[in-house]
N, C-alpha and C. Protein backbone atom coordinates (compact mmCIF):
# COMPACT_ATOMS: atom_id res chain seq x y z
N MET A 1 69.26 132.25 114.49
CA MET A 1 68.65 132.05 113.17
C MET A 1 68.10 133.41 112.67
N PRO A 2 68.36 133.75 111.41
CA PRO A 2 67.93 134.99 110.84
C PRO A 2 66.39 135.00 110.63
N ASN A 3 65.90 136.21 110.47
CA ASN A 3 64.39 136.34 110.27
C ASN A 3 64.06 136.46 108.79
N ILE A 4 64.99 136.92 107.93
CA ILE A 4 64.69 137.14 106.55
C ILE A 4 64.72 135.79 105.82
N LYS A 5 63.67 135.58 104.98
CA LYS A 5 63.52 134.28 104.32
C LYS A 5 64.70 133.85 103.46
N SER A 6 65.25 134.81 102.68
CA SER A 6 66.36 134.45 101.78
C SER A 6 67.60 134.19 102.58
N VAL A 7 67.79 134.84 103.70
CA VAL A 7 68.96 134.59 104.53
C VAL A 7 68.83 133.19 105.19
N LYS A 8 67.63 132.84 105.58
CA LYS A 8 67.39 131.48 106.11
C LYS A 8 67.80 130.45 105.08
N LYS A 9 67.41 130.67 103.82
CA LYS A 9 67.75 129.74 102.75
C LYS A 9 69.30 129.72 102.61
N ASP A 10 69.90 130.86 102.68
CA ASP A 10 71.33 130.91 102.56
C ASP A 10 72.05 130.13 103.67
N VAL A 11 71.54 130.20 104.86
CA VAL A 11 72.12 129.44 106.02
C VAL A 11 71.98 127.94 105.78
N ILE A 12 70.78 127.55 105.30
CA ILE A 12 70.55 126.09 105.02
C ILE A 12 71.50 125.64 103.95
N ARG A 13 71.64 126.44 102.81
CA ARG A 13 72.56 126.09 101.72
C ARG A 13 73.99 125.99 102.24
N SER A 14 74.35 126.92 103.06
CA SER A 14 75.70 126.96 103.63
C SER A 14 76.02 125.70 104.43
N ARG A 15 75.04 125.32 105.24
CA ARG A 15 75.23 124.10 106.06
C ARG A 15 75.37 122.84 105.19
N GLN A 16 74.51 122.80 104.17
CA GLN A 16 74.63 121.68 103.24
C GLN A 16 76.01 121.57 102.58
N ARG A 17 76.46 122.74 102.09
CA ARG A 17 77.79 122.78 101.46
C ARG A 17 78.89 122.36 102.44
N HIS A 18 78.76 122.88 103.67
CA HIS A 18 79.72 122.59 104.69
C HIS A 18 79.80 121.05 104.98
N GLU A 19 78.65 120.46 105.11
CA GLU A 19 78.59 119.05 105.34
C GLU A 19 79.20 118.25 104.18
N ARG A 20 78.94 118.68 102.93
CA ARG A 20 79.43 118.03 101.76
C ARG A 20 81.01 118.19 101.73
N ASN A 21 81.45 119.40 102.03
CA ASN A 21 82.86 119.66 102.00
C ASN A 21 83.64 118.88 103.14
N VAL A 22 83.05 118.76 104.30
CA VAL A 22 83.62 118.03 105.37
C VAL A 22 83.74 116.53 105.03
N ALA A 23 82.66 116.07 104.43
CA ALA A 23 82.65 114.60 103.98
C ALA A 23 83.71 114.36 102.98
N ALA A 24 83.86 115.24 101.97
CA ALA A 24 84.84 115.07 100.95
C ALA A 24 86.26 115.09 101.53
N LYS A 25 86.53 116.05 102.42
CA LYS A 25 87.85 116.16 103.03
C LYS A 25 88.13 114.91 103.85
N SER A 26 87.15 114.40 104.55
CA SER A 26 87.31 113.24 105.36
C SER A 26 87.61 112.03 104.42
N GLN A 27 86.95 111.94 103.30
CA GLN A 27 87.20 110.81 102.41
C GLN A 27 88.61 110.88 101.84
N ILE A 28 89.07 112.12 101.55
CA ILE A 28 90.48 112.21 101.07
C ILE A 28 91.44 111.75 102.11
N LYS A 29 91.26 112.18 103.33
CA LYS A 29 92.15 111.77 104.43
C LYS A 29 92.14 110.23 104.59
N THR A 30 90.92 109.65 104.49
CA THR A 30 90.75 108.20 104.66
C THR A 30 91.52 107.44 103.54
N LEU A 31 91.38 107.92 102.33
CA LEU A 31 92.03 107.28 101.20
C LEU A 31 93.54 107.42 101.30
N ILE A 32 94.03 108.55 101.75
CA ILE A 32 95.47 108.73 101.91
C ILE A 32 95.98 107.80 103.03
N ARG A 33 95.19 107.69 104.08
CA ARG A 33 95.57 106.80 105.19
C ARG A 33 95.66 105.37 104.73
N LYS A 34 94.66 104.94 103.90
CA LYS A 34 94.64 103.63 103.33
C LYS A 34 95.82 103.40 102.42
N ALA A 35 96.14 104.35 101.64
CA ALA A 35 97.27 104.24 100.72
C ALA A 35 98.60 104.14 101.52
N ASN A 36 98.76 104.91 102.53
CA ASN A 36 99.99 104.82 103.38
C ASN A 36 100.07 103.46 104.07
N ALA A 37 98.89 102.96 104.50
CA ALA A 37 98.88 101.63 105.18
C ALA A 37 99.30 100.54 104.15
N ALA A 38 98.74 100.64 102.96
CA ALA A 38 99.08 99.69 101.90
C ALA A 38 100.60 99.72 101.56
N ILE A 39 101.15 100.96 101.55
CA ILE A 39 102.59 101.09 101.24
C ILE A 39 103.42 100.50 102.37
N GLU A 40 103.07 100.80 103.57
CA GLU A 40 103.83 100.29 104.75
C GLU A 40 103.73 98.82 104.90
N ALA A 41 102.56 98.25 104.58
CA ALA A 41 102.32 96.82 104.71
C ALA A 41 103.01 96.04 103.57
N LYS A 42 103.56 96.77 102.64
CA LYS A 42 104.28 96.18 101.46
C LYS A 42 103.35 95.22 100.75
N GLN A 43 102.12 95.66 100.47
CA GLN A 43 101.20 94.89 99.65
C GLN A 43 101.67 94.77 98.21
N GLU A 44 100.94 94.00 97.40
CA GLU A 44 101.29 93.84 95.96
C GLU A 44 101.30 95.25 95.34
N PRO A 45 102.24 95.44 94.41
CA PRO A 45 102.33 96.74 93.73
C PRO A 45 101.09 97.13 93.04
N SER A 46 100.34 96.21 92.44
CA SER A 46 99.09 96.54 91.77
C SER A 46 98.06 97.08 92.75
N THR A 47 97.99 96.52 93.92
CA THR A 47 97.06 96.97 95.02
C THR A 47 97.47 98.33 95.43
N VAL A 48 98.71 98.56 95.66
CA VAL A 48 99.22 99.88 96.13
C VAL A 48 98.90 100.94 95.09
N VAL A 49 99.20 100.61 93.81
CA VAL A 49 98.93 101.60 92.77
C VAL A 49 97.48 101.96 92.70
N LYS A 50 96.59 100.98 92.81
CA LYS A 50 95.12 101.29 92.74
C LYS A 50 94.72 102.18 93.92
N VAL A 51 95.17 101.90 95.10
CA VAL A 51 94.79 102.70 96.26
C VAL A 51 95.33 104.10 96.16
N VAL A 52 96.58 104.22 95.73
CA VAL A 52 97.15 105.57 95.54
C VAL A 52 96.44 106.33 94.45
N THR A 53 96.08 105.64 93.37
CA THR A 53 95.37 106.28 92.26
C THR A 53 93.99 106.79 92.74
N ASP A 54 93.30 106.02 93.57
CA ASP A 54 91.98 106.43 94.15
C ASP A 54 92.18 107.68 94.95
N ALA A 55 93.20 107.76 95.81
CA ALA A 55 93.47 108.92 96.64
C ALA A 55 93.76 110.14 95.77
N ILE A 56 94.58 109.95 94.80
CA ILE A 56 94.92 111.11 93.89
C ILE A 56 93.64 111.57 93.17
N SER A 57 92.88 110.63 92.68
CA SER A 57 91.69 110.98 91.94
C SER A 57 90.69 111.81 92.80
N MET A 58 90.51 111.34 94.08
CA MET A 58 89.63 112.05 95.00
C MET A 58 90.16 113.50 95.22
N SER A 59 91.46 113.61 95.42
CA SER A 59 92.04 114.93 95.65
C SER A 59 91.78 115.87 94.44
N ASP A 60 91.98 115.33 93.24
CA ASP A 60 91.70 116.16 92.05
C ASP A 60 90.28 116.51 91.95
N ARG A 61 89.38 115.65 92.25
CA ARG A 61 87.90 116.00 92.26
C ARG A 61 87.60 117.09 93.25
N ALA A 62 88.24 116.99 94.45
CA ALA A 62 87.97 118.03 95.43
C ALA A 62 88.50 119.39 95.03
N VAL A 63 89.63 119.41 94.30
CA VAL A 63 90.19 120.66 93.77
C VAL A 63 89.22 121.20 92.74
N LYS A 64 88.75 120.37 91.88
CA LYS A 64 87.82 120.82 90.79
C LYS A 64 86.57 121.44 91.37
N ARG A 65 86.08 120.94 92.51
CA ARG A 65 84.89 121.41 93.16
C ARG A 65 85.18 122.57 94.11
N GLY A 66 86.43 122.90 94.27
CA GLY A 66 86.80 124.01 95.17
C GLY A 66 86.77 123.72 96.65
N ILE A 67 86.91 122.40 96.99
CA ILE A 67 86.86 122.00 98.36
C ILE A 67 88.21 122.17 99.03
N ILE A 68 89.25 121.83 98.29
CA ILE A 68 90.64 122.12 98.84
C ILE A 68 91.39 122.91 97.77
N HIS A 69 92.43 123.57 98.21
CA HIS A 69 93.29 124.39 97.32
C HIS A 69 94.14 123.40 96.45
N LYS A 70 94.41 123.90 95.24
CA LYS A 70 95.16 123.01 94.27
C LYS A 70 96.57 122.76 94.81
N ASN A 71 97.18 123.68 95.51
CA ASN A 71 98.53 123.42 95.99
C ASN A 71 98.50 122.44 97.19
N ALA A 72 97.43 122.44 97.95
CA ALA A 72 97.35 121.44 99.06
C ALA A 72 97.15 120.05 98.45
N ALA A 73 96.38 119.96 97.39
CA ALA A 73 96.20 118.65 96.75
C ALA A 73 97.52 118.18 96.11
N ALA A 74 98.22 119.12 95.52
CA ALA A 74 99.52 118.81 94.88
C ALA A 74 100.50 118.35 95.94
N ARG A 75 100.52 118.96 97.07
CA ARG A 75 101.42 118.61 98.17
C ARG A 75 101.13 117.16 98.66
N ARG A 76 99.84 116.88 98.89
CA ARG A 76 99.45 115.57 99.37
C ARG A 76 99.77 114.51 98.35
N LYS A 77 99.51 114.80 97.08
CA LYS A 77 99.79 113.80 96.04
C LYS A 77 101.32 113.55 95.90
N SER A 78 102.06 114.60 96.03
CA SER A 78 103.53 114.53 95.93
C SER A 78 104.06 113.64 97.02
N ARG A 79 103.61 113.88 98.20
CA ARG A 79 104.10 113.13 99.41
C ARG A 79 103.72 111.62 99.27
N LEU A 80 102.51 111.41 98.74
CA LEU A 80 102.04 110.04 98.57
C LEU A 80 102.85 109.29 97.52
N MET A 81 103.09 109.96 96.41
CA MET A 81 103.90 109.36 95.32
C MET A 81 105.37 109.15 95.77
N LYS A 82 105.86 110.07 96.58
CA LYS A 82 107.19 109.97 97.11
C LYS A 82 107.33 108.71 97.98
N ARG A 83 106.35 108.48 98.85
CA ARG A 83 106.37 107.27 99.74
C ARG A 83 106.24 106.03 98.86
N MET A 84 105.31 106.04 97.90
CA MET A 84 105.14 104.84 97.05
C MET A 84 106.43 104.54 96.28
N ASN A 85 107.04 105.52 95.71
CA ASN A 85 108.26 105.28 94.93
C ASN A 85 109.43 104.82 95.80
N ALA A 86 109.48 105.39 97.00
CA ALA A 86 110.60 104.96 97.94
C ALA A 86 110.38 103.50 98.39
N ALA A 87 109.12 103.10 98.55
CA ALA A 87 108.85 101.73 98.91
C ALA A 87 109.10 100.78 97.75
N ALA A 88 108.91 101.24 96.55
CA ALA A 88 109.04 100.41 95.38
C ALA A 88 110.53 100.27 94.97
N ALA A 89 111.33 101.26 95.27
CA ALA A 89 112.75 101.31 94.88
C ALA A 89 113.54 100.14 95.47
N PRO A 90 113.48 99.83 96.76
CA PRO A 90 114.26 98.71 97.30
C PRO A 90 113.78 97.37 96.71
N ALA A 91 112.49 97.26 96.42
CA ALA A 91 111.97 96.03 95.87
C ALA A 91 112.54 95.76 94.47
N ALA A 92 112.69 96.86 93.72
CA ALA A 92 113.20 96.72 92.30
C ALA A 92 114.68 96.49 92.30
N ALA A 93 115.37 96.99 93.27
CA ALA A 93 116.85 96.90 93.28
C ALA A 93 117.39 95.57 93.74
């Protein structure tokens, strides 16, 4: 632990930000996992769309706050949409 008061405050702020970032990343992963589970379980399309939308929304918010890189979010969203559309295609055909 540092001795200088301002550095102590910086360490505390850094820990708080770290915890917030870890929580947000974990929430994104959880939402993506739920979306994949909904897609694989072949739930109702409206349910799948809502879960996928929630995951995409959380990813976008994390990008806006600088928690994850915009390309990482784009990659995750793209993969998720690809899975959802692939699952919906046989049902429509």
